[in-house]
Amino acid sequence: MPNLLCLCPNHHVLFDGLEIYIDVDDVVRRTHEGDSLGRLRRHADHRIDESYLQYHRTLCELSRLTKK
């Protein structure tokens, strides 16, 4: 599935809550502070469609703008 990420329960909640996102360089970042939490580790046999990550980044950006 190209829209599937395997996350621990804590990061799953943060990702779904738009508190973290994956930038275009595969760095996991906090939505509001922008600081790095590390790099996304990818498995060679599992391709993630970039459009899903871009959509999630857009939602995080909207969330960031509305919480100012």
C-alpha atoms as a PDB file:
ATOM      1  CA  MET A   1       0.000   0.000   0.000  1.00  0.00           C
ATOM      2  CA  PRO A   2       1.614   3.270  -1.073  1.00  0.00           C
ATOM      3  CA  ASN A   3      -0.040   5.288   1.716  1.00  0.00           C
ATOM      4  CA  LEU A   4       1.014   3.073   4.640  1.00  0.00           C
ATOM      5  CA  LEU A   5       3.539   4.129   7.292  1.00  0.00           C
ATOM      6  CA  CYS A   6       4.573   1.896  10.177  1.00  0.00           C
ATOM      7  CA  LEU A   7       4.754   4.076  13.271  1.00  0.00           C
ATOM      8  CA  CYS A   8       4.955   3.423  16.994  1.00  0.00           C
ATOM      9  CA  PRO A   9       1.731   4.254  18.878  1.00  0.00           C
ATOM     10  CA  ASN A  10       3.073   7.607  20.132  1.00  0.00           C
ATOM     11  CA  HIS A  11       4.195   8.817  16.703  1.00  0.00           C
ATOM     12  CA  HIS A  12       0.989   7.507  15.151  1.00  0.00           C
ATOM     13  CA  VAL A  13      -1.036   9.800  17.420  1.00  0.00           C
ATOM     14  CA  LEU A  14       1.250  12.752  16.606  1.00  0.00           C
ATOM     15  CA  PHE A  15       1.092  12.061  12.853  1.00  0.00           C
ATOM     16  CA  ASP A  16      -2.701  11.697  12.821  1.00  0.00           C
ATOM     17  CA  GLY A  17      -3.021  14.784  15.025  1.00  0.00           C
ATOM     18  CA  LEU A  18      -0.971  16.817  12.507  1.00  0.00           C
ATOM     19  CA  GLU A  19       1.737  17.452  15.111  1.00  0.00           C
ATOM     20  CA  ILE A  20       4.508  15.870  13.013  1.00  0.00           C
ATOM     21  CA  TYR A  21       5.114  15.514   9.290  1.00  0.00           C
ATOM     22  CA  ILE A  22       7.722  14.148   6.887  1.00  0.00           C
ATOM     23  CA  ASP A  23       9.430  16.811   4.786  1.00  0.00           C
ATOM     24  CA  VAL A  24      10.607  16.397   1.170  1.00  0.00           C
ATOM     25  CA  ASP A  25      14.023  15.184   2.395  1.00  0.00           C
ATOM     26  CA  ASP A  26      12.469  12.438   4.581  1.00  0.00           C
ATOM     27  CA  VAL A  27      13.137  14.359   7.794  1.00  0.00           C
ATOM     28  CA  VAL A  28      10.433  13.968  10.432  1.00  0.00           C
ATOM     29  CA  ARG A  29       9.605  17.417  11.822  1.00  0.00           C
ATOM     30  CA  ARG A  30       7.360  18.962  14.439  1.00  0.00           C
ATOM     31  CA  THR A  31       4.611  20.957  12.746  1.00  0.00           C
ATOM     32  CA  HIS A  32       4.706  24.005  14.987  1.00  0.00           C
ATOM     33  CA  GLU A  33       8.368  24.211  16.008  1.00  0.00           C
ATOM     34  CA  GLY A  34       9.864  22.829  12.798  1.00  0.00           C
ATOM     35  CA  ASP A  35      12.623  20.988  14.653  1.00  0.00           C
ATOM     36  CA  SER A  36      13.824  17.622  13.431  1.00  0.00           C
ATOM     37  CA  LEU A  37      12.964  14.368  15.180  1.00  0.00           C
ATOM     38  CA  GLY A  38      15.170  12.316  12.839  1.00  0.00           C
ATOM     39  CA  ARG A  39      14.938  10.767   9.414  1.00  0.00           C
ATOM     40  CA  LEU A  40      12.254   8.449   8.100  1.00  0.00           C
ATOM     41  CA  ARG A  41      13.631   4.956   7.639  1.00  0.00           C
ATOM     42  CA  ARG A  42      12.369   3.346   4.436  1.00  0.00           C
ATOM     43  CA  HIS A  43      12.271  -0.301   3.458  1.00  0.00           C
ATOM     44  CA  ALA A  44      13.449  -0.989  -0.094  1.00  0.00           C
ATOM     45  CA  ASP A  45      10.418  -3.190  -0.838  1.00  0.00           C
ATOM     46  CA  HIS A  46       7.864  -0.623   0.329  1.00  0.00           C
ATOM     47  CA  ARG A  47       7.326   2.445  -1.833  1.00  0.00           C
ATOM     48  CA  ILE A  48       5.445   5.380  -0.322  1.00  0.00           C
ATOM     49  CA  ASP A  49       3.622   7.563  -2.834  1.00  0.00           C
ATOM     50  CA  GLU A  50       4.931  11.117  -2.375  1.00  0.00           C
ATOM     51  CA  SER A  51       1.463  12.563  -3.058  1.00  0.00           C
ATOM     52  CA  TYR A  52       0.207  11.179   0.282  1.00  0.00           C
ATOM     53  CA  LEU A  53       3.082  12.789   2.161  1.00  0.00           C
ATOM     54  CA  GLN A  54       2.509  16.068   0.313  1.00  0.00           C
ATOM     55  CA  TYR A  55      -1.183  15.990   1.229  1.00  0.00           C
ATOM     56  CA  HIS A  56      -0.286  15.418   4.894  1.00  0.00           C
ATOM     57  CA  ARG A  57       2.257  18.287   4.788  1.00  0.00           C
ATOM     58  CA  THR A  58      -0.474  20.555   3.424  1.00  0.00           C
ATOM     59  CA  LEU A  59      -2.795  19.619   6.287  1.00  0.00           C
ATOM     60  CA  CYS A  60       0.011  20.287   8.781  1.00  0.00           C
ATOM     61  CA  GLU A  61       0.708  23.685   7.222  1.00  0.00           C
ATOM     62  CA  LEU A  62      -2.977  24.623   7.456  1.00  0.00           C
ATOM     63  CA  SER A  63      -3.025  23.454  11.067  1.00  0.00           C
ATOM     64  CA  ARG A  64       0.066  25.525  11.829  1.00  0.00           C
ATOM     65  CA  LEU A  65      -1.471  28.626  10.270  1.00  0.00           C
ATOM     66  CA  THR A  66      -4.770  28.306  12.104  1.00  0.00           C
ATOM     67  CA  LYS A  67      -3.159  27.799  15.536  1.00  0.00           C
ATOM     68  CA  LYS A  68      -1.182  31.059  15.450  1.00  0.00           C
END
